[in-house]
Amino acid sequence: MDHVNTPNQPGSADMPSGVVAAKVSAATIGAAVAGFVLWVLGEYVFDGNDIPAAVEALVMLVVPAVAAFASGYAKPRSLEELR
């Protein structure tokens, strides 16, 4: 079966190159905010306290994932993405 290029699909001539979806931009900003939150936690909460290393590692894993997911989920899809 031959592959048919449909409009607005990756690799098609109609798909603009270099365009970043709004949801991706929102998730990127969420990840940057998560980095700041992790810095604050590390500087003021985890520093000098008797918090188990496993808990600290779990927080360091979960915070960026939740922030990126939540910010990307909250951003509505643009009309260009729906075409």
PDB file of N, CA and C in Angstrom:
ATOM      1  N   MET A   1       0.844  -1.176   0.000  1.00  0.00           N
ATOM      2  CA  MET A   1       0.000   0.000   0.000  1.00  0.00           C
ATOM      3  C   MET A   1       0.888   1.237   0.000  1.00  0.00           C
ATOM      4  N   ASP A   2       0.636   2.137  -0.908  1.00  0.00           N
ATOM      5  CA  ASP A   2       1.417   3.365  -1.001  1.00  0.00           C
ATOM      6  C   ASP A   2       1.000   4.348   0.082  1.00  0.00           C
ATOM      7  N   HIS A   3       2.008   5.066   0.592  1.00  0.00           N
ATOM      8  CA  HIS A   3       1.733   6.093   1.600  1.00  0.00           C
ATOM      9  C   HIS A   3       1.233   7.345   0.889  1.00  0.00           C
ATOM     10  N   VAL A   4       0.127   7.890   1.364  1.00  0.00           N
ATOM     11  CA  VAL A   4      -0.435   9.100   0.781  1.00  0.00           C
ATOM     12  C   VAL A   4      -0.189  10.242   1.746  1.00  0.00           C
ATOM     13  N   ASN A   5       0.461  11.299   1.259  1.00  0.00           N
ATOM     14  CA  ASN A   5       0.679  12.480   2.088  1.00  0.00           C
ATOM     15  C   ASN A   5      -0.596  13.296   2.137  1.00  0.00           C
ATOM     16  N   THR A   6      -1.119  13.501   3.322  1.00  0.00           N
ATOM     17  CA  THR A   6      -2.315  14.308   3.482  1.00  0.00           C
ATOM     18  C   THR A   6      -1.918  15.672   4.013  1.00  0.00           C
ATOM     19  N   PRO A   7      -2.714  16.708   3.732  1.00  0.00           N
ATOM     20  CA  PRO A   7      -2.372  18.050   4.192  1.00  0.00           C
ATOM     21  C   PRO A   7      -2.237  18.106   5.711  1.00  0.00           C
ATOM     22  N   ASN A   8      -1.318  18.959   6.169  1.00  0.00           N
ATOM     23  CA  ASN A   8      -1.065  19.216   7.586  1.00  0.00           C
ATOM     24  C   ASN A   8      -0.570  18.002   8.353  1.00  0.00           C
ATOM     25  N   GLN A   9      -0.028  17.040   7.671  1.00  0.00           N
ATOM     26  CA  GLN A   9       0.600  15.906   8.334  1.00  0.00           C
ATOM     27  C   GLN A   9       2.103  16.104   8.280  1.00  0.00           C
ATOM     28  N   PRO A  10       2.817  15.618   9.302  1.00  0.00           N
ATOM     29  CA  PRO A  10       4.275  15.764   9.249  1.00  0.00           C
ATOM     30  C   PRO A  10       4.838  15.205   7.952  1.00  0.00           C
ATOM     31  N   GLY A  11       5.680  15.976   7.326  1.00  0.00           N
ATOM     32  CA  GLY A  11       6.298  15.553   6.083  1.00  0.00           C
ATOM     33  C   GLY A  11       5.553  16.011   4.847  1.00  0.00           C
ATOM     34  N   SER A  12       4.350  16.574   5.001  1.00  0.00           N
ATOM     35  CA  SER A  12       3.621  17.024   3.823  1.00  0.00           C
ATOM     36  C   SER A  12       4.083  18.426   3.439  1.00  0.00           C
ATOM     37  N   ALA A  13       3.834  18.805   2.220  1.00  0.00           N
ATOM     38  CA  ALA A  13       4.258  20.111   1.723  1.00  0.00           C
ATOM     39  C   ALA A  13       3.462  21.236   2.371  1.00  0.00           C
ATOM     40  N   ASP A  14       2.242  20.948   2.851  1.00  0.00           N
ATOM     41  CA  ASP A  14       1.399  21.974   3.460  1.00  0.00           C
ATOM     42  C   ASP A  14       1.763  22.246   4.923  1.00  0.00           C
ATOM     43  N   MET A  15       2.531  21.387   5.533  1.00  0.00           N
ATOM     44  CA  MET A  15       2.885  21.541   6.942  1.00  0.00           C
ATOM     45  C   MET A  15       4.011  22.554   7.060  1.00  0.00           C
ATOM     46  N   PRO A  16       3.777  23.696   7.752  1.00  0.00           N
ATOM     47  CA  PRO A  16       4.842  24.693   7.885  1.00  0.00           C
ATOM     48  C   PRO A  16       5.966  24.167   8.752  1.00  0.00           C
ATOM     49  N   SER A  17       7.187  24.451   8.354  1.00  0.00           N
ATOM     50  CA  SER A  17       8.327  23.989   9.142  1.00  0.00           C
ATOM     51  C   SER A  17       8.704  25.069  10.149  1.00  0.00           C
ATOM     52  N   GLY A  18       9.227  24.640  11.282  1.00  0.00           N
ATOM     53  CA  GLY A  18       9.659  25.585  12.294  1.00  0.00           C
ATOM     54  C   GLY A  18       8.550  26.106  13.180  1.00  0.00           C
ATOM     55  N   VAL A  19       7.349  25.581  13.068  1.00  0.00           N
ATOM     56  CA  VAL A  19       6.230  26.036  13.886  1.00  0.00           C
ATOM     57  C   VAL A  19       6.135  25.136  15.108  1.00  0.00           C
ATOM     58  N   VAL A  20       6.047  25.759  16.275  1.00  0.00           N
ATOM     59  CA  VAL A  20       5.917  25.008  17.513  1.00  0.00           C
ATOM     60  C   VAL A  20       4.485  25.167  17.997  1.00  0.00           C
ATOM     61  N   ALA A  21       3.854  24.053  18.301  1.00  0.00           N
ATOM     62  CA  ALA A  21       2.468  24.088  18.766  1.00  0.00           C
ATOM     63  C   ALA A  21       2.368  24.833  20.089  1.00  0.00           C
ATOM     64  N   ALA A  22       1.240  25.489  20.303  1.00  0.00           N
ATOM     65  CA  ALA A  22       1.031  26.254  21.533  1.00  0.00           C
ATOM     66  C   ALA A  22       1.101  25.362  22.762  1.00  0.00           C
ATOM     67  N   LYS A  23       0.607  24.137  22.645  1.00  0.00           N
ATOM     68  CA  LYS A  23       0.649  23.216  23.775  1.00  0.00           C
ATOM     69  C   LYS A  23       2.087  22.846  24.141  1.00  0.00           C
ATOM     70  N   VAL A  24       2.953  22.746  23.151  1.00  0.00           N
ATOM     71  CA  VAL A  24       4.357  22.430  23.409  1.00  0.00           C
ATOM     72  C   VAL A  24       5.034  23.609  24.100  1.00  0.00           C
ATOM     73  N   SER A  25       4.729  24.809  23.650  1.00  0.00           N
ATOM     74  CA  SER A  25       5.294  25.999  24.287  1.00  0.00           C
ATOM     75  C   SER A  25       4.841  26.103  25.738  1.00  0.00           C
ATOM     76  N   ALA A  26       3.564  25.827  25.985  1.00  0.00           N
ATOM     77  CA  ALA A  26       3.050  25.883  27.355  1.00  0.00           C
ATOM     78  C   ALA A  26       3.714  24.839  28.236  1.00  0.00           C
ATOM     79  N   ALA A  27       3.902  23.645  27.720  1.00  0.00           N
ATOM     80  CA  ALA A  27       4.561  22.595  28.501  1.00  0.00           C
ATOM     81  C   ALA A  27       6.021  22.942  28.769  1.00  0.00           C
ATOM     82  N   THR A  28       6.678  23.604  27.821  1.00  0.00           N
ATOM     83  CA  THR A  28       8.062  24.027  28.016  1.00  0.00           C
ATOM     84  C   THR A  28       8.156  25.069  29.127  1.00  0.00           C
ATOM     85  N   ILE A  29       7.232  26.003  29.131  1.00  0.00           N
ATOM     86  CA  ILE A  29       7.202  27.010  30.198  1.00  0.00           C
ATOM     87  C   ILE A  29       6.912  26.337  31.537  1.00  0.00           C
ATOM     88  N   GLY A  30       6.016  25.368  31.548  1.00  0.00           N
ATOM     89  CA  GLY A  30       5.726  24.630  32.773  1.00  0.00           C
ATOM     90  C   GLY A  30       6.944  23.904  33.303  1.00  0.00           C
ATOM     91  N   ALA A  31       7.732  23.336  32.414  1.00  0.00           N
ATOM     92  CA  ALA A  31       8.953  22.651  32.837  1.00  0.00           C
ATOM     93  C   ALA A  31       9.973  23.642  33.393  1.00  0.00           C
ATOM     94  N   ALA A  32      10.047  24.830  32.808  1.00  0.00           N
ATOM     95  CA  ALA A  32      10.962  25.849  33.324  1.00  0.00           C
ATOM     96  C   ALA A  32      10.529  26.307  34.717  1.00  0.00           C
ATOM     97  N   VAL A  33       9.226  26.486  34.912  1.00  0.00           N
ATOM     98  CA  VAL A  33       8.703  26.848  36.227  1.00  0.00           C
ATOM     99  C   VAL A  33       9.000  25.731  37.223  1.00  0.00           C
ATOM    100  N   ALA A  34       8.876  24.493  36.784  1.00  0.00           N
ATOM    101  CA  ALA A  34       9.177  23.354  37.659  1.00  0.00           C
ATOM    102  C   ALA A  34      10.638  23.383  38.097  1.00  0.00           C
ATOM    103  N   GLY A  35      11.526  23.774  37.210  1.00  0.00           N
ATOM    104  CA  GLY A  35      12.929  23.895  37.578  1.00  0.00           C
ATOM    105  C   GLY A  35      13.132  24.918  38.683  1.00  0.00           C
ATOM    106  N   PHE A  36      12.427  26.031  38.594  1.00  0.00           N
ATOM    107  CA  PHE A  36      12.501  27.048  39.644  1.00  0.00           C
ATOM    108  C   PHE A  36      11.932  26.512  40.957  1.00  0.00           C
ATOM    109  N   VAL A  37      10.801  25.823  40.889  1.00  0.00           N
ATOM    110  CA  VAL A  37      10.195  25.242  42.087  1.00  0.00           C
ATOM    111  C   VAL A  37      11.149  24.243  42.731  1.00  0.00           C
ATOM    112  N   LEU A  38      11.805  23.427  41.914  1.00  0.00           N
ATOM    113  CA  LEU A  38      12.763  22.462  42.455  1.00  0.00           C
ATOM    114  C   LEU A  38      13.950  23.165  43.109  1.00  0.00           C
ATOM    115  N   TRP A  39      14.393  24.269  42.541  1.00  0.00           N
ATOM    116  CA  TRP A  39      15.478  25.025  43.150  1.00  0.00           C
ATOM    117  C   TRP A  39      15.053  25.557  44.517  1.00  0.00           C
ATOM    118  N   VAL A  40      13.832  26.101  44.593  1.00  0.00           N
ATOM    119  CA  VAL A  40      13.325  26.618  45.868  1.00  0.00           C
ATOM    120  C   VAL A  40      13.210  25.484  46.890  1.00  0.00           C
ATOM    121  N   LEU A  41      12.683  24.353  46.468  1.00  0.00           N
ATOM    122  CA  LEU A  41      12.579  23.208  47.384  1.00  0.00           C
ATOM    123  C   LEU A  41      13.959  22.764  47.872  1.00  0.00           C
ATOM    124  N   GLY A  42      14.900  22.669  46.960  1.00  0.00           N
ATOM    125  CA  GLY A  42      16.244  22.242  47.327  1.00  0.00           C
ATOM    126  C   GLY A  42      16.959  23.231  48.224  1.00  0.00           C
ATOM    127  N   GLU A  43      16.715  24.500  47.978  1.00  0.00           N
ATOM    128  CA  GLU A  43      17.407  25.550  48.736  1.00  0.00           C
ATOM    129  C   GLU A  43      16.815  25.755  50.128  1.00  0.00           C
ATOM    130  N   TYR A  44      15.493  25.664  50.247  1.00  0.00           N
ATOM    131  CA  TYR A  44      14.845  26.043  51.496  1.00  0.00           C
ATOM    132  C   TYR A  44      14.137  24.904  52.229  1.00  0.00           C
ATOM    133  N   VAL A  45      13.745  23.850  51.544  1.00  0.00           N
ATOM    134  CA  VAL A  45      13.007  22.769  52.192  1.00  0.00           C
ATOM    135  C   VAL A  45      13.904  21.573  52.474  1.00  0.00           C
ATOM    136  N   PHE A  46      14.594  21.089  51.452  1.00  0.00           N
ATOM    137  CA  PHE A  46      15.400  19.885  51.601  1.00  0.00           C
ATOM    138  C   PHE A  46      16.748  20.151  52.278  1.00  0.00           C
ATOM    139  N   ASP A  47      17.248  21.385  52.190  1.00  0.00           N
ATOM    140  CA  ASP A  47      18.581  21.700  52.704  1.00  0.00           C
ATOM    141  C   ASP A  47      18.593  21.667  54.228  1.00  0.00           C
ATOM    142  N   GLY A  48      19.356  20.743  54.789  1.00  0.00           N
ATOM    143  CA  GLY A  48      19.516  20.663  56.233  1.00  0.00           C
ATOM    144  C   GLY A  48      18.411  19.938  56.969  1.00  0.00           C
ATOM    145  N   ASN A  49      17.391  19.497  56.284  1.00  0.00           N
ATOM    146  CA  ASN A  49      16.307  18.764  56.930  1.00  0.00           C
ATOM    147  C   ASN A  49      16.542  17.266  56.785  1.00  0.00           C
ATOM    148  N   ASP A  50      15.946  16.518  57.673  1.00  0.00           N
ATOM    149  CA  ASP A  50      16.090  15.062  57.637  1.00  0.00           C
ATOM    150  C   ASP A  50      15.011  14.427  56.761  1.00  0.00           C
ATOM    151  N   ILE A  51      15.068  14.716  55.482  1.00  0.00           N
ATOM    152  CA  ILE A  51      14.124  14.139  54.514  1.00  0.00           C
ATOM    153  C   ILE A  51      14.840  12.978  53.834  1.00  0.00           C
ATOM    154  N   PRO A  52      14.208  11.809  53.806  1.00  0.00           N
ATOM    155  CA  PRO A  52      14.857  10.656  53.168  1.00  0.00           C
ATOM    156  C   PRO A  52      15.211  10.950  51.704  1.00  0.00           C
ATOM    157  N   ALA A  53      16.317  10.411  51.262  1.00  0.00           N
ATOM    158  CA  ALA A  53      16.780  10.621  49.885  1.00  0.00           C
ATOM    159  C   ALA A  53      15.768  10.107  48.873  1.00  0.00           C
ATOM    160  N   ALA A  54      15.074   9.028  49.214  1.00  0.00           N
ATOM    161  CA  ALA A  54      14.076   8.478  48.294  1.00  0.00           C
ATOM    162  C   ALA A  54      12.920   9.454  48.091  1.00  0.00           C
ATOM    163  N   VAL A  55      12.499  10.121  49.141  1.00  0.00           N
ATOM    164  CA  VAL A  55      11.414  11.109  49.027  1.00  0.00           C
ATOM    165  C   VAL A  55      11.872  12.297  48.197  1.00  0.00           C
ATOM    166  N   GLU A  56      13.077  12.759  48.455  1.00  0.00           N
ATOM    167  CA  GLU A  56      13.620  13.879  47.691  1.00  0.00           C
ATOM    168  C   GLU A  56      13.739  13.530  46.207  1.00  0.00           C
ATOM    169  N   ALA A  57      14.205  12.323  45.912  1.00  0.00           N
ATOM    170  CA  ALA A  57      14.334  11.890  44.520  1.00  0.00           C
ATOM    171  C   ALA A  57      12.971  11.780  43.847  1.00  0.00           C
ATOM    172  N   LEU A  58      11.985  11.287  44.583  1.00  0.00           N
ATOM    173  CA  LEU A  58      10.637  11.162  44.020  1.00  0.00           C
ATOM    174  C   LEU A  58      10.046  12.535  43.717  1.00  0.00           C
ATOM    175  N   VAL A  59      10.258  13.488  44.607  1.00  0.00           N
ATOM    176  CA  VAL A  59       9.774  14.855  44.369  1.00  0.00           C
ATOM    177  C   VAL A  59      10.463  15.446  43.148  1.00  0.00           C
ATOM    178  N   MET A  60      11.767  15.223  43.027  1.00  0.00           N
ATOM    179  CA  MET A  60      12.518  15.747  41.881  1.00  0.00           C
ATOM    180  C   MET A  60      12.054  15.129  40.561  1.00  0.00           C
ATOM    181  N   LEU A  61      11.512  13.933  40.625  1.00  0.00           N
ATOM    182  CA  LEU A  61      11.001  13.263  39.432  1.00  0.00           C
ATOM    183  C   LEU A  61       9.585  13.716  39.091  1.00  0.00           C
ATOM    184  N   VAL A  62       8.743  13.837  40.084  1.00  0.00           N
ATOM    185  CA  VAL A  62       7.319  14.079  39.864  1.00  0.00           C
ATOM    186  C   VAL A  62       7.009  15.542  39.550  1.00  0.00           C
ATOM    187  N   VAL A  63       7.670  16.482  40.214  1.00  0.00           N
ATOM    188  CA  VAL A  63       7.335  17.898  40.037  1.00  0.00           C
ATOM    189  C   VAL A  63       7.460  18.352  38.580  1.00  0.00           C
ATOM    190  N   PRO A  64       8.561  18.094  37.877  1.00  0.00           N
ATOM    191  CA  PRO A  64       8.626  18.541  36.478  1.00  0.00           C
ATOM    192  C   PRO A  64       7.603  17.849  35.580  1.00  0.00           C
ATOM    193  N   ALA A  65       7.367  16.578  35.818  1.00  0.00           N
ATOM    194  CA  ALA A  65       6.402  15.855  34.986  1.00  0.00           C
ATOM    195  C   ALA A  65       4.999  16.415  35.173  1.00  0.00           C
ATOM    196  N   VAL A  66       4.610  16.652  36.405  1.00  0.00           N
ATOM    197  CA  VAL A  66       3.267  17.185  36.681  1.00  0.00           C
ATOM    198  C   VAL A  66       3.128  18.601  36.141  1.00  0.00           C
ATOM    199  N   ALA A  67       4.143  19.429  36.325  1.00  0.00           N
ATOM    200  CA  ALA A  67       4.076  20.810  35.832  1.00  0.00           C
ATOM    201  C   ALA A  67       3.982  20.863  34.312  1.00  0.00           C
ATOM    202  N   ALA A  68       4.783  20.072  33.624  1.00  0.00           N
ATOM    203  CA  ALA A  68       4.741  20.068  32.157  1.00  0.00           C
ATOM    204  C   ALA A  68       3.412  19.524  31.651  1.00  0.00           C
ATOM    205  N   PHE A  69       2.927  18.449  32.273  1.00  0.00           N
ATOM    206  CA  PHE A  69       1.646  17.883  31.849  1.00  0.00           C
ATOM    207  C   PHE A  69       0.508  18.864  32.105  1.00  0.00           C
ATOM    208  N   ALA A  70       0.462  19.460  33.291  1.00  0.00           N
ATOM    209  CA  ALA A  70      -0.634  20.359  33.641  1.00  0.00           C
ATOM    210  C   ALA A  70      -0.666  21.591  32.747  1.00  0.00           C
ATOM    211  N   SER A  71       0.491  22.176  32.473  1.00  0.00           N
ATOM    212  CA  SER A  71       0.498  23.366  31.623  1.00  0.00           C
ATOM    213  C   SER A  71       0.151  23.033  30.179  1.00  0.00           C
ATOM    214  N   GLY A  72       0.598  21.892  29.685  1.00  0.00           N
ATOM    215  CA  GLY A  72       0.228  21.486  28.328  1.00  0.00           C
ATOM    216  C   GLY A  72      -1.237  21.111  28.224  1.00  0.00           C
ATOM    217  N   TYR A  73      -1.768  20.471  29.255  1.00  0.00           N
ATOM    218  CA  TYR A  73      -3.179  20.072  29.263  1.00  0.00           C
ATOM    219  C   TYR A  73      -4.094  21.286  29.340  1.00  0.00           C
ATOM    220  N   ALA A  74      -3.680  22.309  30.098  1.00  0.00           N
ATOM    221  CA  ALA A  74      -4.509  23.491  30.288  1.00  0.00           C
ATOM    222  C   ALA A  74      -4.583  24.362  29.040  1.00  0.00           C
ATOM    223  N   LYS A  75      -3.578  24.288  28.183  1.00  0.00           N
ATOM    224  CA  LYS A  75      -3.552  25.121  26.979  1.00  0.00           C
ATOM    225  C   LYS A  75      -4.451  24.514  25.911  1.00  0.00           C
ATOM    226  N   PRO A  76      -5.433  25.276  25.412  1.00  0.00           N
ATOM    227  CA  PRO A  76      -6.305  24.722  24.362  1.00  0.00           C
ATOM    228  C   PRO A  76      -5.560  24.565  23.037  1.00  0.00           C
ATOM    229  N   ARG A  77      -6.049  23.671  22.226  1.00  0.00           N
ATOM    230  CA  ARG A  77      -5.456  23.476  20.899  1.00  0.00           C
ATOM    231  C   ARG A  77      -5.783  24.656  20.022  1.00  0.00           C
ATOM    232  N   SER A  78      -4.844  25.027  19.172  1.00  0.00           N
ATOM    233  CA  SER A  78      -5.086  26.140  18.251  1.00  0.00           C
ATOM    234  C   SER A  78      -5.865  25.641  17.037  1.00  0.00           C
ATOM    235  N   LEU A  79      -6.490  26.549  16.328  1.00  0.00           N
ATOM    236  CA  LEU A  79      -7.287  26.167  15.160  1.00  0.00           C
ATOM    237  C   LEU A  79      -6.432  25.554  14.064  1.00  0.00           C
ATOM    238  N   GLU A  80      -5.174  26.008  13.917  1.00  0.00           N
ATOM    239  CA  GLU A  80      -4.320  25.456  12.880  1.00  0.00           C
ATOM    240  C   GLU A  80      -4.030  23.975  13.142  1.00  0.00           C
ATOM    241  N   GLU A  81      -3.955  23.597  14.419  1.00  0.00           N
ATOM    242  CA  GLU A  81      -3.672  22.197  14.759  1.00  0.00           C
ATOM    243  C   GLU A  81      -4.859  21.303  14.464  1.00  0.00           C
ATOM    244  N   LEU A  82      -6.054  21.854  14.439  1.00  0.00           N
ATOM    245  CA  LEU A  82      -7.258  21.045  14.235  1.00  0.00           C
ATOM    246  C   LEU A  82      -7.562  20.793  12.768  1.00  0.00           C
ATOM    247  N   ARG A  83      -6.930  21.503  11.881  1.00  0.00           N
ATOM    248  CA  ARG A  83      -7.205  21.328  10.449  1.00  0.00           C
ATOM    249  C   ARG A  83      -6.599  20.054   9.926  1.00  0.00           C
TER     250      ARG A  83
END
